[in-house]
N, C-alpha and C. Protein backbone atom coordinates (compact mmCIF):
# COMPACT_ATOMS: atom_id res chain seq x y z
N THR A 1 -106.31 85.38 76.44
CA THR A 1 -106.76 85.58 75.07
C THR A 1 -105.67 85.12 74.12
N GLY A 2 -106.08 84.62 72.97
CA GLY A 2 -105.13 84.20 71.96
C GLY A 2 -104.73 85.36 71.08
N VAL A 3 -103.96 85.08 70.05
CA VAL A 3 -103.56 86.11 69.10
C VAL A 3 -103.88 85.63 67.70
N GLN A 4 -104.06 86.57 66.79
CA GLN A 4 -104.30 86.20 65.41
C GLN A 4 -103.04 85.59 64.83
N THR A 5 -103.20 84.59 63.96
CA THR A 5 -102.02 83.94 63.41
C THR A 5 -101.26 84.88 62.50
N CYS A 6 -101.94 85.66 61.69
CA CYS A 6 -101.28 86.63 60.83
C CYS A 6 -102.33 87.55 60.25
N ALA A 7 -101.90 88.74 59.80
CA ALA A 7 -102.83 89.72 59.27
C ALA A 7 -103.19 89.43 57.82
N LEU A 8 -102.34 88.71 57.09
CA LEU A 8 -102.57 88.43 55.68
C LEU A 8 -103.06 87.00 55.49
N PRO A 9 -103.81 86.75 54.40
CA PRO A 9 -104.15 85.37 54.07
C PRO A 9 -102.86 84.59 53.81
N ILE A 10 -102.88 83.28 54.08
CA ILE A 10 -101.70 82.44 53.91
C ILE A 10 -101.14 82.57 52.50
N SER A 11 -102.01 82.69 51.50
CA SER A 11 -101.56 82.78 50.10
C SER A 11 -100.69 84.00 49.86
N GLN A 12 -100.79 85.03 50.70
CA GLN A 12 -100.00 86.25 50.51
C GLN A 12 -98.72 86.27 51.34
N LEU A 13 -98.49 85.24 52.15
CA LEU A 13 -97.28 85.20 52.96
C LEU A 13 -96.04 84.84 52.14
N GLY A 14 -96.23 84.21 51.00
CA GLY A 14 -95.11 83.79 50.16
C GLY A 14 -95.26 82.33 49.80
N ARG A 15 -94.39 81.89 48.91
CA ARG A 15 -94.52 80.51 48.45
C ARG A 15 -94.03 79.54 49.52
N ASN A 16 -94.64 78.39 49.54
CA ASN A 16 -94.27 77.30 50.45
C ASN A 16 -94.37 77.66 51.93
N VAL A 17 -95.21 78.64 52.27
CA VAL A 17 -95.39 79.00 53.67
C VAL A 17 -96.50 78.14 54.25
N SER A 18 -96.27 77.59 55.46
CA SER A 18 -97.31 76.80 56.11
C SER A 18 -97.58 77.37 57.50
N VAL A 19 -98.85 77.28 57.90
CA VAL A 19 -99.29 77.77 59.21
C VAL A 19 -100.06 76.65 59.89
N GLY A 20 -99.82 76.44 61.17
CA GLY A 20 -100.52 75.40 61.91
C GLY A 20 -100.34 75.58 63.40
N SER A 21 -100.63 74.53 64.15
CA SER A 21 -100.53 74.58 65.61
C SER A 21 -99.51 73.56 66.11
N LEU A 22 -98.74 73.96 67.10
CA LEU A 22 -97.81 73.03 67.75
C LEU A 22 -98.59 72.09 68.65
N ALA A 23 -98.07 70.91 68.86
CA ALA A 23 -98.76 69.91 69.69
C ALA A 23 -98.98 70.40 71.12
N ASN A 24 -98.02 71.16 71.65
CA ASN A 24 -98.14 71.64 73.03
C ASN A 24 -98.65 73.07 73.12
N GLY A 25 -99.29 73.55 72.04
CA GLY A 25 -99.88 74.88 72.04
C GLY A 25 -99.07 75.85 71.20
N GLY A 26 -99.68 76.96 70.83
CA GLY A 26 -99.01 77.97 70.03
C GLY A 26 -99.25 77.75 68.55
N THR A 27 -99.09 78.81 67.79
CA THR A 27 -99.24 78.78 66.35
C THR A 27 -97.87 78.81 65.72
N TYR A 28 -97.66 78.03 64.65
CA TYR A 28 -96.38 78.13 63.94
C TYR A 28 -96.59 78.64 62.53
N ILE A 29 -95.60 79.36 62.05
CA ILE A 29 -95.54 79.82 60.66
C ILE A 29 -94.16 79.43 60.17
N ILE A 30 -94.09 78.62 59.11
CA ILE A 30 -92.81 78.20 58.54
C ILE A 30 -92.69 78.80 57.15
N ALA A 31 -91.62 79.54 56.92
CA ALA A 31 -91.41 80.20 55.64
C ALA A 31 -89.99 79.91 55.15
N PRO A 32 -89.82 78.90 54.29
CA PRO A 32 -88.48 78.61 53.76
C PRO A 32 -88.01 79.72 52.82
N VAL A 33 -86.72 80.05 52.89
CA VAL A 33 -86.12 81.03 51.97
C VAL A 33 -84.79 80.48 51.48
N ASP A 34 -84.40 80.91 50.29
CA ASP A 34 -83.11 80.51 49.76
C ASP A 34 -82.01 81.30 50.44
N GLY A 35 -80.82 80.74 50.46
CA GLY A 35 -79.70 81.46 51.05
C GLY A 35 -78.86 80.57 51.92
N ALA A 36 -78.23 81.16 52.92
CA ALA A 36 -77.32 80.43 53.80
C ALA A 36 -78.08 79.34 54.55
N PRO A 37 -77.40 78.25 54.92
CA PRO A 37 -78.06 77.14 55.63
C PRO A 37 -78.25 77.44 57.12
N VAL A 38 -79.02 78.48 57.39
CA VAL A 38 -79.33 78.84 58.76
C VAL A 38 -80.84 78.91 58.92
N ALA A 39 -81.29 78.83 60.14
CA ALA A 39 -82.72 78.94 60.44
C ALA A 39 -82.92 80.05 61.46
N ALA A 40 -83.95 80.85 61.23
CA ALA A 40 -84.36 81.87 62.20
C ALA A 40 -85.61 81.35 62.88
N VAL A 41 -85.52 81.15 64.18
CA VAL A 41 -86.65 80.64 64.95
C VAL A 41 -87.06 81.75 65.91
N ALA A 42 -88.33 82.14 65.86
CA ALA A 42 -88.78 83.25 66.70
C ALA A 42 -90.07 82.88 67.41
N LEU A 43 -90.16 83.24 68.67
CA LEU A 43 -91.40 83.14 69.44
C LEU A 43 -91.91 84.55 69.64
N TRP A 44 -93.17 84.79 69.33
CA TRP A 44 -93.80 86.08 69.55
C TRP A 44 -94.90 85.94 70.59
N TYR A 45 -94.95 86.87 71.50
CA TYR A 45 -96.01 86.91 72.51
C TYR A 45 -96.67 88.29 72.48
N ARG A 46 -98.00 88.30 72.57
CA ARG A 46 -98.70 89.57 72.74
C ARG A 46 -98.82 89.83 74.24
N ALA A 47 -98.15 90.88 74.70
CA ALA A 47 -98.16 91.25 76.11
C ALA A 47 -97.64 92.67 76.24
N PRO A 48 -98.15 93.43 77.20
CA PRO A 48 -97.68 94.82 77.37
C PRO A 48 -96.25 94.85 77.91
N SER A 49 -95.42 95.67 77.32
CA SER A 49 -94.01 95.71 77.70
C SER A 49 -93.78 96.18 79.13
N THR A 50 -94.75 96.91 79.67
CA THR A 50 -94.58 97.48 81.02
C THR A 50 -95.39 96.73 82.07
N GLY A 51 -95.90 95.56 81.73
CA GLY A 51 -96.62 94.75 82.69
C GLY A 51 -98.13 94.88 82.57
N PHE A 52 -98.82 94.03 83.32
CA PHE A 52 -100.28 93.96 83.26
C PHE A 52 -100.96 94.82 84.31
N GLY A 53 -100.22 95.31 85.28
CA GLY A 53 -100.81 96.07 86.38
C GLY A 53 -101.11 97.51 86.00
N PRO A 54 -101.75 98.25 86.92
CA PRO A 54 -102.10 99.65 86.64
C PRO A 54 -100.89 100.57 86.59
N ASN A 55 -99.80 100.19 87.26
CA ASN A 55 -98.60 101.01 87.26
C ASN A 55 -97.57 100.42 86.30
N ALA A 56 -97.15 101.24 85.35
CA ALA A 56 -96.19 100.78 84.33
C ALA A 56 -94.83 100.51 84.97
N ILE A 57 -94.22 99.39 84.55
CA ILE A 57 -92.87 99.04 85.00
C ILE A 57 -91.99 98.93 83.75
N PRO A 58 -91.33 100.03 83.35
CA PRO A 58 -90.46 99.97 82.16
C PRO A 58 -89.43 98.86 82.29
N SER A 59 -89.17 98.18 81.19
CA SER A 59 -88.18 97.09 81.09
C SER A 59 -88.68 95.76 81.65
N LEU A 60 -89.90 95.68 82.16
CA LEU A 60 -90.36 94.44 82.79
C LEU A 60 -90.39 93.28 81.79
N ALA A 61 -90.96 93.50 80.61
CA ALA A 61 -91.04 92.41 79.63
C ALA A 61 -89.65 91.98 79.19
N ARG A 62 -88.77 92.93 78.96
CA ARG A 62 -87.40 92.62 78.53
C ARG A 62 -86.67 91.83 79.61
N LEU A 63 -86.83 92.25 80.86
CA LEU A 63 -86.17 91.56 81.96
C LEU A 63 -86.76 90.16 82.16
N ALA A 64 -88.05 90.02 82.01
CA ALA A 64 -88.68 88.71 82.16
C ALA A 64 -88.15 87.73 81.11
N ALA A 65 -88.08 88.18 79.86
CA ALA A 65 -87.58 87.30 78.80
C ALA A 65 -86.12 86.92 79.05
N GLN A 66 -85.30 87.90 79.43
CA GLN A 66 -83.89 87.63 79.67
C GLN A 66 -83.70 86.71 80.88
N THR A 67 -84.54 86.85 81.88
CA THR A 67 -84.45 85.99 83.06
C THR A 67 -84.77 84.54 82.70
N VAL A 68 -85.81 84.34 81.90
CA VAL A 68 -86.15 82.98 81.47
C VAL A 68 -85.01 82.38 80.66
N ILE A 69 -84.41 83.18 79.79
CA ILE A 69 -83.29 82.71 78.96
C ILE A 69 -82.10 82.29 79.83
N ALA A 70 -81.87 83.01 80.93
CA ALA A 70 -80.71 82.75 81.78
C ALA A 70 -80.96 81.76 82.90
N SER A 71 -82.23 81.41 83.14
CA SER A 71 -82.56 80.52 84.26
C SER A 71 -82.39 79.06 83.88
N LYS A 72 -81.67 78.34 84.73
CA LYS A 72 -81.44 76.91 84.49
C LYS A 72 -82.60 76.12 85.06
N PRO A 73 -83.25 75.29 84.22
CA PRO A 73 -84.35 74.46 84.73
C PRO A 73 -83.83 73.31 85.59
N LEU A 74 -84.74 72.51 86.12
CA LEU A 74 -84.34 71.37 86.95
C LEU A 74 -83.52 70.36 86.16
N VAL A 75 -83.85 70.21 84.87
CA VAL A 75 -83.15 69.27 84.00
C VAL A 75 -82.60 70.04 82.79
N GLY A 76 -81.33 69.84 82.49
CA GLY A 76 -80.75 70.48 81.32
C GLY A 76 -80.13 71.84 81.62
N GLU A 77 -79.76 72.52 80.54
CA GLU A 77 -79.10 73.82 80.65
C GLU A 77 -80.11 74.95 80.42
N ALA A 78 -79.70 76.16 80.75
CA ALA A 78 -80.51 77.34 80.44
C ALA A 78 -80.59 77.49 78.93
N LEU A 79 -81.68 78.09 78.45
CA LEU A 79 -81.89 78.25 77.01
C LEU A 79 -80.73 79.00 76.37
N GLY A 80 -80.25 80.04 77.00
CA GLY A 80 -79.13 80.81 76.45
C GLY A 80 -77.90 79.95 76.25
N THR A 81 -77.63 79.06 77.19
CA THR A 81 -76.49 78.14 77.08
C THR A 81 -76.70 77.15 75.94
N ASP A 82 -77.92 76.61 75.83
CA ASP A 82 -78.23 75.66 74.75
C ASP A 82 -78.01 76.28 73.38
N ILE A 83 -78.49 77.49 73.19
CA ILE A 83 -78.35 78.16 71.89
C ILE A 83 -76.88 78.44 71.60
N ALA A 84 -76.15 78.91 72.60
CA ALA A 84 -74.72 79.20 72.41
C ALA A 84 -73.96 77.92 72.06
N ASN A 85 -74.29 76.80 72.70
CA ASN A 85 -73.62 75.53 72.43
C ASN A 85 -73.87 75.03 71.01
N LEU A 86 -74.99 75.44 70.42
CA LEU A 86 -75.30 75.06 69.04
C LEU A 86 -74.64 76.01 68.02
N GLY A 87 -73.96 77.03 68.53
CA GLY A 87 -73.34 78.02 67.65
C GLY A 87 -74.34 79.06 67.16
N GLY A 88 -75.43 79.22 67.90
CA GLY A 88 -76.47 80.17 67.50
C GLY A 88 -76.38 81.48 68.23
N ARG A 89 -77.28 82.36 67.86
CA ARG A 89 -77.35 83.69 68.49
C ARG A 89 -78.80 83.96 68.89
N LEU A 90 -78.99 84.41 70.11
CA LEU A 90 -80.32 84.64 70.66
C LEU A 90 -80.51 86.13 70.91
N THR A 91 -81.66 86.66 70.51
CA THR A 91 -81.97 88.08 70.73
C THR A 91 -83.39 88.22 71.26
N VAL A 92 -83.62 89.33 71.96
CA VAL A 92 -84.95 89.67 72.46
C VAL A 92 -85.27 91.07 71.97
N SER A 93 -86.46 91.22 71.39
CA SER A 93 -86.95 92.53 70.97
C SER A 93 -88.29 92.78 71.65
N VAL A 94 -88.44 93.96 72.21
CA VAL A 94 -89.67 94.29 72.94
C VAL A 94 -90.32 95.51 72.30
N TYR A 95 -91.62 95.41 72.10
CA TYR A 95 -92.43 96.50 71.57
C TYR A 95 -93.51 96.80 72.60
N SER A 96 -94.29 97.84 72.40
CA SER A 96 -95.26 98.23 73.43
C SER A 96 -96.25 97.13 73.76
N ASP A 97 -96.59 96.30 72.77
CA ASP A 97 -97.61 95.27 73.02
C ASP A 97 -97.18 93.87 72.61
N SER A 98 -95.88 93.67 72.39
CA SER A 98 -95.42 92.33 72.00
C SER A 98 -93.94 92.13 72.35
N ILE A 99 -93.58 90.85 72.41
CA ILE A 99 -92.22 90.46 72.74
C ILE A 99 -91.79 89.39 71.74
N GLU A 100 -90.57 89.54 71.21
CA GLU A 100 -90.03 88.54 70.29
C GLU A 100 -88.76 87.96 70.89
N ILE A 101 -88.71 86.63 70.94
CA ILE A 101 -87.48 85.92 71.33
C ILE A 101 -87.05 85.18 70.08
N ALA A 102 -85.88 85.50 69.54
CA ALA A 102 -85.46 84.94 68.25
C ALA A 102 -84.07 84.32 68.35
N ALA A 103 -83.90 83.22 67.63
CA ALA A 103 -82.60 82.55 67.57
C ALA A 103 -82.23 82.34 66.11
N LEU A 104 -81.00 82.63 65.78
CA LEU A 104 -80.44 82.35 64.47
C LEU A 104 -79.46 81.21 64.68
N VAL A 105 -79.75 80.06 64.06
CA VAL A 105 -78.98 78.84 64.34
C VAL A 105 -78.69 78.09 63.04
N PRO A 106 -77.72 77.16 63.04
CA PRO A 106 -77.51 76.31 61.87
C PRO A 106 -78.81 75.58 61.54
N ALA A 107 -79.15 75.51 60.25
CA ALA A 107 -80.44 74.94 59.83
C ALA A 107 -80.72 73.55 60.39
N PRO A 108 -79.74 72.65 60.46
CA PRO A 108 -80.05 71.32 61.00
C PRO A 108 -80.50 71.34 62.47
N SER A 109 -80.24 72.44 63.16
CA SER A 109 -80.60 72.54 64.59
C SER A 109 -81.98 73.13 64.81
N ALA A 110 -82.69 73.49 63.74
CA ALA A 110 -83.95 74.21 63.89
C ALA A 110 -84.96 73.47 64.75
N ARG A 111 -85.15 72.18 64.49
CA ARG A 111 -86.14 71.41 65.26
C ARG A 111 -85.75 71.36 66.75
N THR A 112 -84.46 71.17 67.03
CA THR A 112 -83.98 71.14 68.41
C THR A 112 -84.23 72.48 69.10
N VAL A 113 -84.01 73.57 68.37
CA VAL A 113 -84.18 74.91 68.93
C VAL A 113 -85.65 75.22 69.19
N VAL A 114 -86.53 74.83 68.29
CA VAL A 114 -87.97 75.02 68.52
C VAL A 114 -88.37 74.32 69.82
N LYS A 115 -87.90 73.09 69.99
CA LYS A 115 -88.23 72.34 71.21
C LYS A 115 -87.66 73.03 72.45
N ALA A 116 -86.40 73.48 72.37
CA ALA A 116 -85.77 74.13 73.53
C ALA A 116 -86.46 75.45 73.88
N MET A 117 -86.81 76.23 72.86
CA MET A 117 -87.44 77.53 73.11
C MET A 117 -88.85 77.36 73.68
N THR A 118 -89.62 76.43 73.11
CA THR A 118 -90.98 76.24 73.62
C THR A 118 -90.95 75.61 75.01
N THR A 119 -90.01 74.73 75.27
CA THR A 119 -89.89 74.15 76.61
C THR A 119 -89.58 75.24 77.63
N ALA A 120 -88.65 76.13 77.29
CA ALA A 120 -88.25 77.19 78.22
C ALA A 120 -89.34 78.22 78.42
N PHE A 121 -90.05 78.58 77.34
CA PHE A 121 -91.00 79.69 77.43
C PHE A 121 -92.45 79.28 77.64
N PHE A 122 -92.80 78.00 77.42
CA PHE A 122 -94.17 77.59 77.69
C PHE A 122 -94.36 77.21 79.16
N ALA A 123 -93.26 76.94 79.85
CA ALA A 123 -93.28 76.67 81.29
C ALA A 123 -92.09 77.41 81.90
N PRO A 124 -92.16 78.75 81.93
CA PRO A 124 -90.98 79.54 82.28
C PRO A 124 -90.48 79.33 83.71
N VAL A 125 -89.16 79.19 83.81
CA VAL A 125 -88.49 79.10 85.10
C VAL A 125 -87.85 80.46 85.38
N VAL A 126 -88.04 80.96 86.59
CA VAL A 126 -87.43 82.22 87.01
C VAL A 126 -86.61 81.92 88.26
N SER A 127 -85.34 81.59 88.04
CA SER A 127 -84.45 81.29 89.17
C SER A 127 -83.81 82.58 89.68
N THR A 128 -83.31 82.52 90.89
CA THR A 128 -82.64 83.70 91.47
C THR A 128 -81.38 84.04 90.67
N ASP A 129 -80.60 83.03 90.30
CA ASP A 129 -79.40 83.28 89.50
C ASP A 129 -79.76 83.83 88.13
N GLY A 130 -80.79 83.27 87.51
CA GLY A 130 -81.23 83.76 86.20
C GLY A 130 -81.73 85.19 86.28
N PHE A 131 -82.44 85.51 87.37
CA PHE A 131 -82.94 86.88 87.56
C PHE A 131 -81.78 87.86 87.71
N ARG A 132 -80.79 87.48 88.50
CA ARG A 132 -79.62 88.38 88.68
C ARG A 132 -78.88 88.57 87.37
N GLN A 133 -78.70 87.47 86.63
CA GLN A 133 -78.03 87.58 85.34
C GLN A 133 -78.86 88.43 84.38
N GLY A 134 -80.17 88.23 84.39
CA GLY A 134 -81.06 89.03 83.55
C GLY A 134 -80.97 90.51 83.89
N GLN A 135 -80.96 90.84 85.18
CA GLN A 135 -80.83 92.24 85.58
C GLN A 135 -79.52 92.84 85.09
N THR A 136 -78.44 92.10 85.23
CA THR A 136 -77.13 92.58 84.77
C THR A 136 -77.14 92.83 83.27
N ASP A 137 -77.67 91.85 82.50
CA ASP A 137 -77.69 91.97 81.04
C ASP A 137 -78.56 93.13 80.57
N VAL A 138 -79.75 93.25 81.15
CA VAL A 138 -80.69 94.28 80.71
C VAL A 138 -80.21 95.67 81.15
N ALA A 139 -79.64 95.78 82.35
CA ALA A 139 -79.12 97.07 82.80
C ALA A 139 -77.98 97.53 81.91
N ARG A 140 -77.11 96.60 81.50
CA ARG A 140 -76.02 96.94 80.59
C ARG A 140 -76.57 97.41 79.24
N GLU A 141 -77.57 96.68 78.75
CA GLU A 141 -78.18 97.04 77.48
C GLU A 141 -78.86 98.41 77.57
N ALA A 142 -79.52 98.67 78.70
CA ALA A 142 -80.17 99.97 78.89
C ALA A 142 -79.14 101.09 78.93
N LEU A 143 -77.99 100.84 79.55
CA LEU A 143 -76.92 101.83 79.60
C LEU A 143 -76.42 102.16 78.20
N PHE A 144 -76.15 101.11 77.40
CA PHE A 144 -75.71 101.33 76.02
C PHE A 144 -76.78 102.07 75.21
N ASP A 145 -78.05 101.72 75.45
CA ASP A 145 -79.15 102.35 74.73
C ASP A 145 -79.20 103.85 75.00
N GLY A 146 -78.81 104.24 76.22
CA GLY A 146 -78.80 105.65 76.58
C GLY A 146 -77.75 106.46 75.84
N TYR A 147 -76.76 105.78 75.24
CA TYR A 147 -75.72 106.46 74.47
C TYR A 147 -75.92 106.32 72.97
N ASP A 148 -77.00 105.68 72.56
CA ASP A 148 -77.30 105.48 71.14
C ASP A 148 -78.19 106.63 70.68
N PRO A 149 -77.67 107.53 69.83
CA PRO A 149 -78.46 108.70 69.41
C PRO A 149 -79.80 108.33 68.80
N ALA A 150 -79.84 107.29 67.98
CA ALA A 150 -81.10 106.89 67.34
C ALA A 150 -82.13 106.46 68.39
N ALA A 151 -81.68 105.71 69.39
CA ALA A 151 -82.60 105.25 70.45
C ALA A 151 -83.08 106.43 71.29
N VAL A 152 -82.17 107.35 71.61
CA VAL A 152 -82.54 108.51 72.42
C VAL A 152 -83.58 109.36 71.71
N VAL A 153 -83.36 109.61 70.41
CA VAL A 153 -84.31 110.42 69.63
C VAL A 153 -85.65 109.69 69.51
N ARG A 154 -85.60 108.39 69.19
CA ARG A 154 -86.84 107.62 69.06
C ARG A 154 -87.64 107.65 70.35
N ASN A 155 -86.97 107.42 71.47
CA ASN A 155 -87.67 107.41 72.75
C ASN A 155 -88.27 108.78 73.08
N ALA A 156 -87.55 109.84 72.75
CA ALA A 156 -88.06 111.20 73.02
C ALA A 156 -89.27 111.50 72.14
N VAL A 157 -89.20 111.14 70.87
CA VAL A 157 -90.31 111.39 69.95
C VAL A 157 -91.54 110.59 70.37
N PHE A 158 -91.34 109.31 70.69
CA PHE A 158 -92.46 108.47 71.08
C PHE A 158 -93.10 108.96 72.38
N SER A 159 -92.29 109.46 73.32
CA SER A 159 -92.84 109.92 74.59
C SER A 159 -93.75 111.12 74.39
N HIS A 160 -93.51 111.90 73.33
CA HIS A 160 -94.37 113.06 73.05
C HIS A 160 -95.54 112.68 72.14
N LEU A 161 -95.27 111.85 71.13
CA LEU A 161 -96.34 111.45 70.20
C LEU A 161 -97.41 110.61 70.89
N PHE A 162 -96.98 109.76 71.82
CA PHE A 162 -97.90 108.83 72.46
C PHE A 162 -97.97 109.11 73.97
N ALA A 163 -98.20 110.37 74.31
CA ALA A 163 -98.16 110.79 75.72
C ALA A 163 -99.15 110.03 76.59
N SER A 164 -100.24 109.54 76.02
CA SER A 164 -101.24 108.83 76.83
C SER A 164 -101.43 107.39 76.35
N ALA A 165 -100.41 106.83 75.71
CA ALA A 165 -100.49 105.45 75.20
C ALA A 165 -99.26 104.67 75.65
N PRO A 166 -99.34 103.34 75.60
CA PRO A 166 -98.21 102.53 76.07
C PRO A 166 -96.91 102.76 75.31
N GLN A 167 -97.00 103.24 74.07
CA GLN A 167 -95.79 103.47 73.27
C GLN A 167 -94.90 104.57 73.84
N ARG A 168 -95.42 105.32 74.82
CA ARG A 168 -94.60 106.40 75.40
C ARG A 168 -93.44 105.86 76.22
N TYR A 169 -93.54 104.60 76.65
CA TYR A 169 -92.47 104.01 77.44
C TYR A 169 -91.43 103.38 76.53
N PRO A 170 -90.15 103.63 76.76
CA PRO A 170 -89.12 102.99 75.93
C PRO A 170 -89.05 101.50 76.22
N PRO A 171 -88.59 100.70 75.23
CA PRO A 171 -88.46 99.26 75.47
C PRO A 171 -87.53 98.94 76.64
N LEU A 172 -86.54 99.80 76.84
CA LEU A 172 -85.61 99.65 77.96
C LEU A 172 -85.69 100.89 78.83
N GLY A 173 -85.93 100.70 80.11
CA GLY A 173 -85.89 101.83 81.02
C GLY A 173 -84.45 102.18 81.35
N ALA A 174 -84.27 103.06 82.30
CA ALA A 174 -82.92 103.41 82.76
C ALA A 174 -82.37 102.24 83.58
N PRO A 175 -81.03 102.10 83.62
CA PRO A 175 -80.43 101.02 84.43
C PRO A 175 -80.94 101.01 85.87
N LYS A 176 -81.18 102.18 86.45
CA LYS A 176 -81.68 102.25 87.83
C LYS A 176 -83.07 101.64 87.94
N GLU A 177 -83.91 101.85 86.91
CA GLU A 177 -85.25 101.26 86.91
C GLU A 177 -85.18 99.74 86.83
N VAL A 178 -84.25 99.24 86.02
CA VAL A 178 -84.09 97.79 85.89
C VAL A 178 -83.72 97.17 87.23
N SER A 179 -82.80 97.80 87.95
CA SER A 179 -82.36 97.25 89.24
C SER A 179 -83.46 97.32 90.29
N GLY A 180 -84.47 98.14 90.06
CA GLY A 180 -85.57 98.28 91.03
C GLY A 180 -86.71 97.30 90.82
N ILE A 181 -86.66 96.50 89.75
CA ILE A 181 -87.73 95.53 89.48
C ILE A 181 -87.54 94.31 90.37
N ALA A 182 -88.62 93.88 91.00
CA ALA A 182 -88.56 92.74 91.92
C ALA A 182 -88.68 91.42 91.16
N GLN A 183 -88.04 90.39 91.69
CA GLN A 183 -88.11 89.06 91.08
C GLN A 183 -89.56 88.56 91.05
N ALA A 184 -90.34 88.89 92.05
CA ALA A 184 -91.75 88.47 92.10
C ALA A 184 -92.53 89.06 90.93
N ASP A 185 -92.22 90.31 90.56
CA ASP A 185 -92.90 90.93 89.42
C ASP A 185 -92.53 90.24 88.12
N VAL A 186 -91.27 89.85 88.00
CA VAL A 186 -90.81 89.14 86.81
C VAL A 186 -91.51 87.78 86.71
N LEU A 187 -91.59 87.07 87.83
CA LEU A 187 -92.24 85.76 87.84
C LEU A 187 -93.72 85.89 87.47
N ALA A 188 -94.41 86.86 88.03
CA ALA A 188 -95.84 87.05 87.75
C ALA A 188 -96.05 87.40 86.27
N PHE A 189 -95.19 88.25 85.73
CA PHE A 189 -95.32 88.62 84.32
C PHE A 189 -95.06 87.42 83.42
N ALA A 190 -93.99 86.68 83.69
CA ALA A 190 -93.64 85.53 82.86
C ALA A 190 -94.74 84.48 82.87
N ALA A 191 -95.33 84.23 84.04
CA ALA A 191 -96.39 83.21 84.15
C ALA A 191 -97.62 83.61 83.35
N ARG A 192 -97.90 84.90 83.26
CA ARG A 192 -99.10 85.35 82.54
C ARG A 192 -98.84 85.55 81.06
N ALA A 193 -97.68 86.09 80.71
CA ALA A 193 -97.40 86.42 79.30
C ALA A 193 -96.93 85.23 78.50
N PHE A 194 -96.02 84.43 79.07
CA PHE A 194 -95.38 83.35 78.31
C PHE A 194 -96.17 82.06 78.41
N ARG A 195 -97.33 82.06 77.78
CA ARG A 195 -98.19 80.88 77.75
C ARG A 195 -98.26 80.37 76.31
N SER A 196 -98.39 79.06 76.16
CA SER A 196 -98.40 78.49 74.82
C SER A 196 -99.53 79.04 73.95
N GLU A 197 -100.70 79.25 74.54
CA GLU A 197 -101.83 79.73 73.73
C GLU A 197 -101.67 81.19 73.30
N ASN A 198 -100.69 81.86 73.86
CA ASN A 198 -100.43 83.26 73.52
C ASN A 198 -99.19 83.40 72.63
N ALA A 199 -98.76 82.30 72.03
CA ALA A 199 -97.49 82.30 71.29
C ALA A 199 -97.69 82.07 69.80
N ILE A 200 -96.86 82.74 69.04
CA ILE A 200 -96.69 82.45 67.60
C ILE A 200 -95.22 82.23 67.38
């Protein structure tokens, strides 16, 4: 299934905003703003953070995104390396029903970054080395999250408010849960979630 391009009419998104389709699939929204000469490039996917199966796997979406970022394709460098070489910063944000992969890069690199991100995520590679690196990165992030009072309170409140909904699961599970996720599960999730027709 596809996703809606946006909830508001284009006229309400702001001045000089354009919406269209990429040649290789996906919807784009371009919104120029005044300020520093940097570009924020983000890919959004609608997908459950805990996987598509009947049993929830906390951290699966976060690990899948990080694995793709760290996996080196047959040609070229891993996406994370490409962004770092451009002097950019790459982040992943996971919500109960969506995933955002975002890069903040020098403005002249925006077109290159769009190509690199769509190449990496429209045909995701899940290598063994990338998976191991992804597990290390996400487990470390989950450990830090466990010491963040705001995250701990948010996760506790959401687990009670949404006891029978997907929002009850935190974006990051415990480090032990991350280490228990199989590479095959990551590959299956990435192949289903990270499709061009499911991207904005």
